Amino acid sequence: VNKSLVQLVEQLGVLAVGVSGKDGG
C-alpha cells in the first residue's frame, strides 16, 4: 500500500518517500 501511494504522488509531480515506523527508529 505504501509504495502504491508513493507511485500516485510521484505521478502528480511531487517526490515522495515511503517509510515504515521501523525505519530510523
mmCIF file of all heavy atoms, coordinates in Angstrom:
data_MODEL
# 
_entry.id   MODEL 
# 
loop_
_atom_site.group_PDB 
_atom_site.id 
_atom_site.type_symbol 
_atom_site.label_atom_id 
_atom_site.label_alt_id 
_atom_site.label_comp_id 
_atom_site.label_asym_id 
_atom_site.label_entity_id 
_atom_site.label_seq_id 
_atom_site.pdbx_PDB_ins_code 
_atom_site.Cartn_x 
_atom_site.Cartn_y 
_atom_site.Cartn_z 
_atom_site.occupancy 
_atom_site.B_iso_or_equiv 
_atom_site.pdbx_formal_charge 
_atom_site.auth_seq_id 
_atom_site.auth_comp_id 
_atom_site.auth_asym_id 
_atom_site.auth_atom_id 
_atom_site.pdbx_PDB_model_num 
ATOM 1   N N   . VAL A 1 1  ? 0.840  -1.201 0.000   1.00 0.00 ? 1  VAL A N   1 
ATOM 2   C CA  . VAL A 1 1  ? 0.000  0.000  0.000   1.00 0.00 ? 1  VAL A CA  1 
ATOM 3   C C   . VAL A 1 1  ? 0.874  1.248  0.000   1.00 0.00 ? 1  VAL A C   1 
ATOM 4   O O   . VAL A 1 1  ? 0.634  2.215  -0.739  1.00 0.00 ? 1  VAL A O   1 
ATOM 5   C CB  . VAL A 1 1  ? -0.950 -0.001 1.222   1.00 0.00 ? 1  VAL A CB  1 
ATOM 6   C CG1 . VAL A 1 1  ? -1.631 1.349  1.381   1.00 0.00 ? 1  VAL A CG1 1 
ATOM 7   C CG2 . VAL A 1 1  ? -1.984 -1.111 1.100   1.00 0.00 ? 1  VAL A CG2 1 
ATOM 8   N N   . ASN A 1 2  ? 1.901  1.229  0.837   1.00 0.00 ? 2  ASN A N   1 
ATOM 9   C CA  . ASN A 1 2  ? 2.800  2.372  0.982   1.00 0.00 ? 2  ASN A CA  1 
ATOM 10  C C   . ASN A 1 2  ? 3.419  2.762  -0.363  1.00 0.00 ? 2  ASN A C   1 
ATOM 11  O O   . ASN A 1 2  ? 3.401  3.933  -0.765  1.00 0.00 ? 2  ASN A O   1 
ATOM 12  C CB  . ASN A 1 2  ? 3.886  2.015  2.005   1.00 0.00 ? 2  ASN A CB  1 
ATOM 13  C CG  . ASN A 1 2  ? 4.770  3.194  2.357   1.00 0.00 ? 2  ASN A CG  1 
ATOM 14  O OD1 . ASN A 1 2  ? 5.719  3.498  1.658   1.00 0.00 ? 2  ASN A OD1 1 
ATOM 15  N ND2 . ASN A 1 2  ? 4.467  3.848  3.467   1.00 0.00 ? 2  ASN A ND2 1 
ATOM 16  N N   . LYS A 1 3  ? 3.934  1.781  -1.073  1.00 0.00 ? 3  LYS A N   1 
ATOM 17  C CA  . LYS A 1 3  ? 4.613  2.091  -2.335  1.00 0.00 ? 3  LYS A CA  1 
ATOM 18  C C   . LYS A 1 3  ? 3.618  2.465  -3.432  1.00 0.00 ? 3  LYS A C   1 
ATOM 19  O O   . LYS A 1 3  ? 3.954  3.225  -4.346  1.00 0.00 ? 3  LYS A O   1 
ATOM 20  C CB  . LYS A 1 3  ? 5.480  0.913  -2.779  1.00 0.00 ? 3  LYS A CB  1 
ATOM 21  C CG  . LYS A 1 3  ? 6.609  0.582  -1.805  1.00 0.00 ? 3  LYS A CG  1 
ATOM 22  C CD  . LYS A 1 3  ? 7.386  1.832  -1.378  1.00 0.00 ? 3  LYS A CD  1 
ATOM 23  C CE  . LYS A 1 3  ? 8.425  1.521  -0.306  1.00 0.00 ? 3  LYS A CE  1 
ATOM 24  N NZ  . LYS A 1 3  ? 9.042  2.745  0.244   1.00 0.00 ? 3  LYS A NZ  1 
ATOM 25  N N   . SER A 1 4  ? 2.375  1.970  -3.338  1.00 0.00 ? 4  SER A N   1 
ATOM 26  C CA  . SER A 1 4  ? 1.371  2.382  -4.325  1.00 0.00 ? 4  SER A CA  1 
ATOM 27  C C   . SER A 1 4  ? 1.023  3.863  -4.137  1.00 0.00 ? 4  SER A C   1 
ATOM 28  O O   . SER A 1 4  ? 0.770  4.583  -5.112  1.00 0.00 ? 4  SER A O   1 
ATOM 29  C CB  . SER A 1 4  ? 0.110  1.515  -4.223  1.00 0.00 ? 4  SER A CB  1 
ATOM 30  O OG  . SER A 1 4  ? -0.654 1.842  -3.074  1.00 0.00 ? 4  SER A OG  1 
ATOM 31  N N   . LEU A 1 5  ? 1.042  4.331  -2.893  1.00 0.00 ? 5  LEU A N   1 
ATOM 32  C CA  . LEU A 1 5  ? 0.774  5.747  -2.622  1.00 0.00 ? 5  LEU A CA  1 
ATOM 33  C C   . LEU A 1 5  ? 1.947  6.616  -3.081  1.00 0.00 ? 5  LEU A C   1 
ATOM 34  O O   . LEU A 1 5  ? 1.752  7.698  -3.638  1.00 0.00 ? 5  LEU A O   1 
ATOM 35  C CB  . LEU A 1 5  ? 0.501  5.968  -1.135  1.00 0.00 ? 5  LEU A CB  1 
ATOM 36  C CG  . LEU A 1 5  ? -0.752 5.285  -0.583  1.00 0.00 ? 5  LEU A CG  1 
ATOM 37  C CD1 . LEU A 1 5  ? -0.889 5.535  0.912   1.00 0.00 ? 5  LEU A CD1 1 
ATOM 38  C CD2 . LEU A 1 5  ? -2.002 5.757  -1.314  1.00 0.00 ? 5  LEU A CD2 1 
ATOM 39  N N   . VAL A 1 6  ? 3.159  6.126  -2.868  1.00 0.00 ? 6  VAL A N   1 
ATOM 40  C CA  . VAL A 1 6  ? 4.337  6.829  -3.389  1.00 0.00 ? 6  VAL A CA  1 
ATOM 41  C C   . VAL A 1 6  ? 4.224  6.990  -4.904  1.00 0.00 ? 6  VAL A C   1 
ATOM 42  O O   . VAL A 1 6  ? 4.470  8.069  -5.460  1.00 0.00 ? 6  VAL A O   1 
ATOM 43  C CB  . VAL A 1 6  ? 5.634  6.060  -3.033  1.00 0.00 ? 6  VAL A CB  1 
ATOM 44  C CG1 . VAL A 1 6  ? 6.827  6.620  -3.799  1.00 0.00 ? 6  VAL A CG1 1 
ATOM 45  C CG2 . VAL A 1 6  ? 5.902  6.128  -1.533  1.00 0.00 ? 6  VAL A CG2 1 
ATOM 46  N N   . GLN A 1 7  ? 3.819  5.925  -5.548  1.00 0.00 ? 7  GLN A N   1 
ATOM 47  C CA  . GLN A 1 7  ? 3.685  5.937  -7.007  1.00 0.00 ? 7  GLN A CA  1 
ATOM 48  C C   . GLN A 1 7  ? 2.655  6.989  -7.457  1.00 0.00 ? 7  GLN A C   1 
ATOM 49  O O   . GLN A 1 7  ? 2.901  7.743  -8.407  1.00 0.00 ? 7  GLN A O   1 
ATOM 50  C CB  . GLN A 1 7  ? 3.267  4.543  -7.481  1.00 0.00 ? 7  GLN A CB  1 
ATOM 51  C CG  . GLN A 1 7  ? 3.220  4.368  -8.986  1.00 0.00 ? 7  GLN A CG  1 
ATOM 52  C CD  . GLN A 1 7  ? 2.905  2.916  -9.360  1.00 0.00 ? 7  GLN A CD  1 
ATOM 53  O OE1 . GLN A 1 7  ? 2.816  2.040  -8.495  1.00 0.00 ? 7  GLN A OE1 1 
ATOM 54  N NE2 . GLN A 1 7  ? 2.746  2.664  -10.639 1.00 0.00 ? 7  GLN A NE2 1 
ATOM 55  N N   . LEU A 1 8  ? 1.519  7.031  -6.774  1.00 0.00 ? 8  LEU A N   1 
ATOM 56  C CA  . LEU A 1 8  ? 0.476  8.006  -7.123  1.00 0.00 ? 8  LEU A CA  1 
ATOM 57  C C   . LEU A 1 8  ? 0.962  9.444  -6.950  1.00 0.00 ? 8  LEU A C   1 
ATOM 58  O O   . LEU A 1 8  ? 0.713  10.307 -7.798  1.00 0.00 ? 8  LEU A O   1 
ATOM 59  C CB  . LEU A 1 8  ? -0.764 7.777  -6.254  1.00 0.00 ? 8  LEU A CB  1 
ATOM 60  C CG  . LEU A 1 8  ? -1.792 6.773  -6.745  1.00 0.00 ? 8  LEU A CG  1 
ATOM 61  C CD1 . LEU A 1 8  ? -2.862 6.572  -5.676  1.00 0.00 ? 8  LEU A CD1 1 
ATOM 62  C CD2 . LEU A 1 8  ? -2.445 7.232  -8.045  1.00 0.00 ? 8  LEU A CD2 1 
ATOM 63  N N   . VAL A 1 9  ? 1.647  9.703  -5.840  1.00 0.00 ? 9  VAL A N   1 
ATOM 64  C CA  . VAL A 1 9  ? 2.151  11.052 -5.576  1.00 0.00 ? 9  VAL A CA  1 
ATOM 65  C C   . VAL A 1 9  ? 3.151  11.459 -6.649  1.00 0.00 ? 9  VAL A C   1 
ATOM 66  O O   . VAL A 1 9  ? 3.109  12.576 -7.177  1.00 0.00 ? 9  VAL A O   1 
ATOM 67  C CB  . VAL A 1 9  ? 2.792  11.133 -4.171  1.00 0.00 ? 9  VAL A CB  1 
ATOM 68  C CG1 . VAL A 1 9  ? 3.533  12.456 -3.987  1.00 0.00 ? 9  VAL A CG1 1 
ATOM 69  C CG2 . VAL A 1 9  ? 1.734  10.979 -3.090  1.00 0.00 ? 9  VAL A CG2 1 
ATOM 70  N N   . GLU A 1 10 ? 4.038  10.541 -6.989  1.00 0.00 ? 10 GLU A N   1 
ATOM 71  C CA  . GLU A 1 10 ? 5.078  10.882 -7.962  1.00 0.00 ? 10 GLU A CA  1 
ATOM 72  C C   . GLU A 1 10 ? 4.500  11.065 -9.364  1.00 0.00 ? 10 GLU A C   1 
ATOM 73  O O   . GLU A 1 10 ? 5.029  11.841 -10.159 1.00 0.00 ? 10 GLU A O   1 
ATOM 74  C CB  . GLU A 1 10 ? 6.196  9.843  -7.928  1.00 0.00 ? 10 GLU A CB  1 
ATOM 75  C CG  . GLU A 1 10 ? 6.879  9.799  -6.570  1.00 0.00 ? 10 GLU A CG  1 
ATOM 76  C CD  . GLU A 1 10 ? 8.337  9.404  -6.619  1.00 0.00 ? 10 GLU A CD  1 
ATOM 77  O OE1 . GLU A 1 10 ? 8.823  9.034  -7.699  1.00 0.00 ? 10 GLU A OE1 1 
ATOM 78  O OE2 . GLU A 1 10 ? 9.003  9.484  -5.563  1.00 0.00 ? 10 GLU A OE2 1 
ATOM 79  N N   . GLN A 1 11 ? 3.391  10.385 -9.655  1.00 0.00 ? 11 GLN A N   1 
ATOM 80  C CA  . GLN A 1 11 ? 2.718  10.608 -10.939 1.00 0.00 ? 11 GLN A CA  1 
ATOM 81  C C   . GLN A 1 11 ? 2.216  12.042 -11.060 1.00 0.00 ? 11 GLN A C   1 
ATOM 82  O O   . GLN A 1 11 ? 2.056  12.567 -12.165 1.00 0.00 ? 11 GLN A O   1 
ATOM 83  C CB  . GLN A 1 11 ? 1.526  9.646  -11.086 1.00 0.00 ? 11 GLN A CB  1 
ATOM 84  C CG  . GLN A 1 11 ? 1.922  8.226  -11.457 1.00 0.00 ? 11 GLN A CG  1 
ATOM 85  C CD  . GLN A 1 11 ? 0.715  7.293  -11.484 1.00 0.00 ? 11 GLN A CD  1 
ATOM 86  O OE1 . GLN A 1 11 ? -0.400 7.691  -11.165 1.00 0.00 ? 11 GLN A OE1 1 
ATOM 87  N NE2 . GLN A 1 11 ? 0.956  6.047  -11.853 1.00 0.00 ? 11 GLN A NE2 1 
ATOM 88  N N   . LEU A 1 12 ? 1.962  12.670 -9.909  1.00 0.00 ? 12 LEU A N   1 
ATOM 89  C CA  . LEU A 1 12 ? 1.451  14.042 -9.899  1.00 0.00 ? 12 LEU A CA  1 
ATOM 90  C C   . LEU A 1 12 ? 2.566  15.076 -9.750  1.00 0.00 ? 12 LEU A C   1 
ATOM 91  O O   . LEU A 1 12 ? 2.306  16.256 -9.517  1.00 0.00 ? 12 LEU A O   1 
ATOM 92  C CB  . LEU A 1 12 ? 0.426  14.205 -8.774  1.00 0.00 ? 12 LEU A CB  1 
ATOM 93  C CG  . LEU A 1 12 ? -0.866 13.392 -8.977  1.00 0.00 ? 12 LEU A CG  1 
ATOM 94  C CD1 . LEU A 1 12 ? -1.707 13.399 -7.718  1.00 0.00 ? 12 LEU A CD1 1 
ATOM 95  C CD2 . LEU A 1 12 ? -1.668 13.944 -10.151 1.00 0.00 ? 12 LEU A CD2 1 
ATOM 96  N N   . GLY A 1 13 ? 3.808  14.632 -9.855  1.00 0.00 ? 13 GLY A N   1 
ATOM 97  C CA  . GLY A 1 13 ? 4.922  15.567 -9.935  1.00 0.00 ? 13 GLY A CA  1 
ATOM 98  C C   . GLY A 1 13 ? 5.564  15.965 -8.626  1.00 0.00 ? 13 GLY A C   1 
ATOM 99  O O   . GLY A 1 13 ? 6.324  16.940 -8.577  1.00 0.00 ? 13 GLY A O   1 
ATOM 100 N N   . VAL A 1 14 ? 5.282  15.227 -7.554  1.00 0.00 ? 14 VAL A N   1 
ATOM 101 C CA  . VAL A 1 14 ? 5.904  15.508 -6.258  1.00 0.00 ? 14 VAL A CA  1 
ATOM 102 C C   . VAL A 1 14 ? 6.703  14.286 -5.828  1.00 0.00 ? 14 VAL A C   1 
ATOM 103 O O   . VAL A 1 14 ? 6.235  13.155 -5.953  1.00 0.00 ? 14 VAL A O   1 
ATOM 104 C CB  . VAL A 1 14 ? 4.839  15.853 -5.193  1.00 0.00 ? 14 VAL A CB  1 
ATOM 105 C CG1 . VAL A 1 14 ? 5.433  15.841 -3.784  1.00 0.00 ? 14 VAL A CG1 1 
ATOM 106 C CG2 . VAL A 1 14 ? 4.218  17.217 -5.484  1.00 0.00 ? 14 VAL A CG2 1 
ATOM 107 N N   . LEU A 1 15 ? 7.906  14.498 -5.324  1.00 0.00 ? 15 LEU A N   1 
ATOM 108 C CA  . LEU A 1 15 ? 8.739  13.383 -4.878  1.00 0.00 ? 15 LEU A CA  1 
ATOM 109 C C   . LEU A 1 15 ? 8.298  12.926 -3.492  1.00 0.00 ? 15 LEU A C   1 
ATOM 110 O O   . LEU A 1 15 ? 8.171  13.738 -2.572  1.00 0.00 ? 15 LEU A O   1 
ATOM 111 C CB  . LEU A 1 15 ? 10.213 13.790 -4.848  1.00 0.00 ? 15 LEU A CB  1 
ATOM 112 C CG  . LEU A 1 15 ? 10.858 14.051 -6.213  1.00 0.00 ? 15 LEU A CG  1 
ATOM 113 C CD1 . LEU A 1 15 ? 12.286 14.548 -6.034  1.00 0.00 ? 15 LEU A CD1 1 
ATOM 114 C CD2 . LEU A 1 15 ? 10.841 12.786 -7.075  1.00 0.00 ? 15 LEU A CD2 1 
ATOM 115 N N   . ALA A 1 16 ? 8.050  11.643 -3.348  1.00 0.00 ? 16 ALA A N   1 
ATOM 116 C CA  . ALA A 1 16 ? 7.613  11.066 -2.072  1.00 0.00 ? 16 ALA A CA  1 
ATOM 117 C C   . ALA A 1 16 ? 8.566  9.967  -1.650  1.00 0.00 ? 16 ALA A C   1 
ATOM 118 O O   . ALA A 1 16 ? 9.215  9.333  -2.491  1.00 0.00 ? 16 ALA A O   1 
ATOM 119 C CB  . ALA A 1 16 ? 6.192  10.516 -2.210  1.00 0.00 ? 16 ALA A CB  1 
ATOM 120 N N   . VAL A 1 17 ? 8.631  9.739  -0.341  1.00 0.00 ? 17 VAL A N   1 
ATOM 121 C CA  . VAL A 1 17 ? 9.427  8.630  0.198   1.00 0.00 ? 17 VAL A CA  1 
ATOM 122 C C   . VAL A 1 17 ? 8.552  7.863  1.177   1.00 0.00 ? 17 VAL A C   1 
ATOM 123 O O   . VAL A 1 17 ? 7.994  8.441  2.119   1.00 0.00 ? 17 VAL A O   1 
ATOM 124 C CB  . VAL A 1 17 ? 10.697 9.124  0.921   1.00 0.00 ? 17 VAL A CB  1 
ATOM 125 C CG1 . VAL A 1 17 ? 11.417 7.956  1.607   1.00 0.00 ? 17 VAL A CG1 1 
ATOM 126 C CG2 . VAL A 1 17 ? 11.644 9.806  -0.059  1.00 0.00 ? 17 VAL A CG2 1 
ATOM 127 N N   . GLY A 1 18 ? 8.416  6.560  0.953   1.00 0.00 ? 18 GLY A N   1 
ATOM 128 C CA  . GLY A 1 18 ? 7.645  5.712  1.847   1.00 0.00 ? 18 GLY A CA  1 
ATOM 129 C C   . GLY A 1 18 ? 8.533  5.094  2.905   1.00 0.00 ? 18 GLY A C   1 
ATOM 130 O O   . GLY A 1 18 ? 9.601  4.557  2.592   1.00 0.00 ? 18 GLY A O   1 
ATOM 131 N N   . VAL A 1 19 ? 8.121  5.202  4.152   1.00 0.00 ? 19 VAL A N   1 
ATOM 132 C CA  . VAL A 1 19 ? 8.866  4.593  5.258   1.00 0.00 ? 19 VAL A CA  1 
ATOM 133 C C   . VAL A 1 19 ? 7.879  3.855  6.143   1.00 0.00 ? 19 VAL A C   1 
ATOM 134 O O   . VAL A 1 19 ? 6.678  4.127  6.136   1.00 0.00 ? 19 VAL A O   1 
ATOM 135 C CB  . VAL A 1 19 ? 9.624  5.644  6.101   1.00 0.00 ? 19 VAL A CB  1 
ATOM 136 C CG1 . VAL A 1 19 ? 10.664 6.363  5.269   1.00 0.00 ? 19 VAL A CG1 1 
ATOM 137 C CG2 . VAL A 1 19 ? 8.672  6.642  6.747   1.00 0.00 ? 19 VAL A CG2 1 
ATOM 138 N N   . SER A 1 20 ? 8.375  2.897  6.907   1.00 0.00 ? 20 SER A N   1 
ATOM 139 C CA  . SER A 1 20 ? 7.563  2.306  7.967   1.00 0.00 ? 20 SER A CA  1 
ATOM 140 C C   . SER A 1 20 ? 8.084  2.835  9.284   1.00 0.00 ? 20 SER A C   1 
ATOM 141 O O   . SER A 1 20 ? 9.161  3.461  9.337   1.00 0.00 ? 20 SER A O   1 
ATOM 142 C CB  . SER A 1 20 ? 7.631  0.773  7.933   1.00 0.00 ? 20 SER A CB  1 
ATOM 143 O OG  . SER A 1 20 ? 8.761  0.299  8.646   1.00 0.00 ? 20 SER A OG  1 
ATOM 144 N N   . GLY A 1 21 ? 7.345  2.582  10.348  1.00 0.00 ? 21 GLY A N   1 
ATOM 145 C CA  . GLY A 1 21 ? 7.780  3.034  11.657  1.00 0.00 ? 21 GLY A CA  1 
ATOM 146 C C   . GLY A 1 21 ? 9.062  2.365  12.124  1.00 0.00 ? 21 GLY A C   1 
ATOM 147 O O   . GLY A 1 21 ? 9.667  2.808  13.108  1.00 0.00 ? 21 GLY A O   1 
ATOM 148 N N   . LYS A 1 22 ? 9.493  1.333  11.398  1.00 0.00 ? 22 LYS A N   1 
ATOM 149 C CA  . LYS A 1 22 ? 10.756 0.662  11.733  1.00 0.00 ? 22 LYS A CA  1 
ATOM 150 C C   . LYS A 1 22 ? 11.961 1.458  11.235  1.00 0.00 ? 22 LYS A C   1 
ATOM 151 O O   . LYS A 1 22 ? 13.058 1.325  11.775  1.00 0.00 ? 22 LYS A O   1 
ATOM 152 C CB  . LYS A 1 22 ? 10.764 -0.743 11.120  1.00 0.00 ? 22 LYS A CB  1 
ATOM 153 C CG  . LYS A 1 22 ? 9.742  -1.677 11.722  1.00 0.00 ? 22 LYS A CG  1 
ATOM 154 C CD  . LYS A 1 22 ? 9.535  -2.942 10.895  1.00 0.00 ? 22 LYS A CD  1 
ATOM 155 C CE  . LYS A 1 22 ? 10.653 -3.925 11.051  1.00 0.00 ? 22 LYS A CE  1 
ATOM 156 N NZ  . LYS A 1 22 ? 10.313 -5.236 10.429  1.00 0.00 ? 22 LYS A NZ  1 
ATOM 157 N N   . ASP A 1 23 ? 11.756 2.271  10.204  1.00 0.00 ? 23 ASP A N   1 
ATOM 158 C CA  . ASP A 1 23 ? 12.871 2.997  9.596   1.00 0.00 ? 23 ASP A CA  1 
ATOM 159 C C   . ASP A 1 23 ? 13.343 4.134  10.501  1.00 0.00 ? 23 ASP A C   1 
ATOM 160 O O   . ASP A 1 23 ? 12.551 4.977  10.933  1.00 0.00 ? 23 ASP A O   1 
ATOM 161 C CB  . ASP A 1 23 ? 12.457 3.561  8.233   1.00 0.00 ? 23 ASP A CB  1 
ATOM 162 C CG  . ASP A 1 23 ? 12.165 2.466  7.218   1.00 0.00 ? 23 ASP A CG  1 
ATOM 163 O OD1 . ASP A 1 23 ? 12.970 1.533  7.131   1.00 0.00 ? 23 ASP A OD1 1 
ATOM 164 O OD2 . ASP A 1 23 ? 11.133 2.545  6.530   1.00 0.00 ? 23 ASP A OD2 1 
ATOM 165 N N   . GLY A 1 24 ? 14.629 4.145  10.760  1.00 0.00 ? 24 GLY A N   1 
ATOM 166 C CA  . GLY A 1 24 ? 15.195 5.221  11.572  1.00 0.00 ? 24 GLY A CA  1 
ATOM 167 C C   . GLY A 1 24 ? 14.666 5.262  12.986  1.00 0.00 ? 24 GLY A C   1 
ATOM 168 O O   . GLY A 1 24 ? 14.728 6.304  13.644  1.00 0.00 ? 24 GLY A O   1 
ATOM 169 N N   . GLY A 1 25 ? 14.127 4.141  13.472  1.00 0.00 ? 25 GLY A N   1 
ATOM 170 C CA  . GLY A 1 25 ? 13.556 4.118  14.823  1.00 0.00 ? 25 GLY A CA  1 
ATOM 171 C C   . GLY A 1 25 ? 12.390 5.073  14.975  1.00 0.00 ? 25 GLY A C   1 
ATOM 172 O O   . GLY A 1 25 ? 12.134 5.607  16.057  1.00 0.00 ? 25 GLY A O   1 
# 
